[in-house]
Amino acid sequence: MQTKKYRIEEFNNRELFEAAAHQSKSLIDIRMPAGEVPDDSISGKIRYPHYPFRYILWISALMALLALLFQIWATTVSYPLFFSGKNPSSWILYIPFAFELFVFFAVVAAAIVAYSRMYMFRFDFNENKYYVISKEIQE
């Protein structure tokens, strides 16, 4: 049985980042300081896993928009309600619905973050040191 080789590294400049991207075949995680962003020269050379969360978010956003449009149609065209003399398209009517949408999207976002396979936050990668974690290298 062949053991997999994992490399998790942190780079302080772009040259080290590009060199590691060109050399490594089993690259799973690259972290750089927030101030330096790599250019597009290596964008096609690193493959990241594809997650369907963006489609789930788009579908839920479209359904929320349809619900808002249905509420606007229901209160203005189909069955206009007059609260305290205000016209049917008053923005005061939509405050509770907007609050409920905010809570709904917060719950959906929290569930996606909780159940995604993204890397968890690690304290040891916040330092400005160069780390290599690998069973073969440490032995």
Protein backbone atom coordinates (compact mmCIF):
# COMPACT_ATOMS: atom_id res chain seq x y z
CA MET A 1 0.00 0.00 0.00
CA GLN A 2 1.42 3.33 -1.06
CA THR A 3 1.35 6.18 1.45
CA LYS A 4 0.27 9.60 0.27
CA LYS A 5 2.62 12.52 0.66
CA TYR A 6 1.07 15.72 1.98
CA ARG A 7 2.71 19.13 1.91
CA ILE A 8 1.29 22.11 3.74
CA GLU A 9 3.45 25.17 3.33
CA GLU A 10 3.47 28.88 4.01
CA PHE A 11 5.41 31.24 1.78
CA ASN A 12 6.74 34.73 2.38
CA ASN A 13 7.21 35.76 -1.24
CA ARG A 14 5.83 35.01 -4.67
CA GLU A 15 8.95 33.27 -6.02
CA LEU A 16 8.83 30.50 -3.40
CA PHE A 17 5.10 30.12 -4.04
CA GLU A 18 5.57 29.71 -7.80
CA ALA A 19 8.50 27.33 -7.37
CA ALA A 20 6.49 25.07 -5.04
CA ALA A 21 3.51 25.15 -7.39
CA HIS A 22 5.67 24.01 -10.30
CA GLN A 23 7.52 21.31 -8.31
CA SER A 24 4.85 19.68 -6.21
CA LYS A 25 2.59 17.00 -7.65
CA SER A 26 0.66 16.25 -4.45
CA LEU A 27 -0.07 19.81 -3.40
CA ILE A 28 -3.13 20.05 -1.16
CA ASP A 29 -2.86 23.40 0.59
CA ILE A 30 -0.91 26.57 -0.11
CA ARG A 31 -1.10 29.50 2.30
CA MET A 32 0.47 32.92 1.80
CA PRO A 33 0.46 36.07 3.91
CA ALA A 34 -2.59 38.21 3.26
CA GLY A 35 -0.58 41.10 1.85
CA GLU A 36 0.79 39.23 -1.15
CA VAL A 37 -1.49 37.68 -3.75
CA PRO A 38 -0.09 35.51 -6.56
CA ASP A 39 -0.69 36.61 -10.13
CA ASP A 40 -2.45 34.61 -12.85
CA SER A 41 0.70 32.84 -14.09
CA ILE A 42 -0.03 29.77 -11.94
CA SER A 43 -3.81 29.90 -11.88
CA GLY A 44 -4.22 26.98 -14.28
CA LYS A 45 -1.60 24.80 -12.65
CA ILE A 46 -3.26 24.29 -9.26
CA ARG A 47 -6.55 22.41 -9.17
CA TYR A 48 -8.94 22.99 -6.32
CA PRO A 49 -11.86 20.69 -5.53
CA HIS A 50 -15.22 21.73 -6.92
CA TYR A 51 -17.98 22.23 -4.37
CA PRO A 52 -21.65 22.73 -5.35
CA PHE A 53 -22.28 25.32 -2.62
CA ARG A 54 -22.34 28.28 -4.98
CA TYR A 55 -25.20 26.68 -6.92
CA ILE A 56 -27.07 25.98 -3.69
CA LEU A 57 -26.65 29.61 -2.67
CA TRP A 58 -27.85 30.87 -6.08
CA ILE A 59 -30.93 28.63 -5.93
CA SER A 60 -31.79 29.74 -2.39
CA ALA A 61 -31.28 33.41 -3.35
CA LEU A 62 -33.56 33.01 -6.38
CA MET A 63 -36.22 31.33 -4.26
CA ALA A 64 -36.02 34.16 -1.71
CA LEU A 65 -36.36 36.70 -4.53
CA LEU A 66 -39.39 34.83 -5.87
CA ALA A 67 -40.92 34.83 -2.38
CA LEU A 68 -40.36 38.58 -2.09
CA LEU A 69 -41.90 39.19 -5.53
CA PHE A 70 -44.86 36.98 -4.63
CA GLN A 71 -45.39 38.96 -1.43
CA ILE A 72 -45.24 42.24 -3.34
CA TRP A 73 -47.70 40.92 -5.92
CA ALA A 74 -50.03 39.55 -3.24
CA THR A 75 -50.13 42.80 -1.25
CA THR A 76 -50.43 45.18 -4.21
CA VAL A 77 -52.32 43.41 -6.99
CA SER A 78 -54.18 40.37 -5.75
CA TYR A 79 -55.28 41.42 -2.26
CA PRO A 80 -54.19 44.96 -1.41
CA LEU A 81 -54.03 45.60 2.32
CA PHE A 82 -54.22 49.07 3.80
CA PHE A 83 -52.53 49.40 7.18
CA SER A 84 -53.22 52.68 8.99
CA GLY A 85 -53.89 54.58 5.79
CA LYS A 86 -50.64 53.67 4.04
CA ASN A 87 -50.55 52.68 0.39
CA PRO A 88 -50.20 48.95 -0.45
CA SER A 89 -46.57 49.18 -1.58
CA SER A 90 -45.35 50.78 1.64
CA TRP A 91 -41.90 49.61 2.76
CA ILE A 92 -43.10 49.20 6.35
CA LEU A 93 -45.00 46.06 5.33
CA TYR A 94 -41.80 44.32 4.24
CA ILE A 95 -39.69 44.83 7.38
CA PRO A 96 -40.71 41.52 9.04
CA PHE A 97 -40.22 39.61 5.80
CA ALA A 98 -36.78 41.17 5.24
CA PHE A 99 -35.79 40.26 8.80
CA GLU A 100 -36.90 36.66 8.29
CA LEU A 101 -34.92 36.49 5.04
CA PHE A 102 -31.85 37.78 6.88
CA VAL A 103 -32.20 35.08 9.53
CA PHE A 104 -32.79 32.41 6.86
CA PHE A 105 -29.67 33.34 4.89
CA ALA A 106 -27.61 33.45 8.08
CA VAL A 107 -28.72 29.91 8.95
CA VAL A 108 -28.04 28.65 5.42
CA ALA A 109 -24.57 30.21 5.40
CA ALA A 110 -23.77 28.76 8.83
CA ALA A 111 -24.90 25.30 7.71
CA ILE A 112 -22.80 25.47 4.56
CA VAL A 113 -19.71 26.50 6.52
CA ALA A 114 -20.35 23.82 9.15
CA TYR A 115 -20.81 20.97 6.68
CA SER A 116 -18.26 21.98 4.05
CA ARG A 117 -14.95 20.21 3.65
CA MET A 118 -12.89 23.36 3.89
CA TYR A 119 -9.72 23.42 5.95
CA MET A 120 -10.19 24.42 9.54
CA PHE A 121 -8.42 27.40 11.07
CA ARG A 122 -5.01 26.48 12.47
CA PHE A 123 -3.09 28.72 14.86
CA ASP A 124 0.34 27.43 13.87
CA PHE A 125 -0.01 28.78 10.33
CA ASN A 126 -0.39 32.38 11.52
CA GLU A 127 3.32 32.80 12.24
CA ASN A 128 5.69 34.04 9.55
CA LYS A 129 7.66 30.81 9.44
CA TYR A 130 8.04 28.24 6.72
CA TYR A 131 6.28 24.99 7.56
CA VAL A 132 6.46 21.64 5.85
CA ILE A 133 4.35 18.88 7.35
CA SER A 134 4.95 15.50 5.81
CA LYS A 135 5.54 12.00 7.13
CA GLU A 136 8.35 11.37 4.66
CA ILE A 137 10.16 14.65 5.41
CA GLN A 138 9.90 14.40 9.20
CA GLU A 139 11.33 10.86 9.31
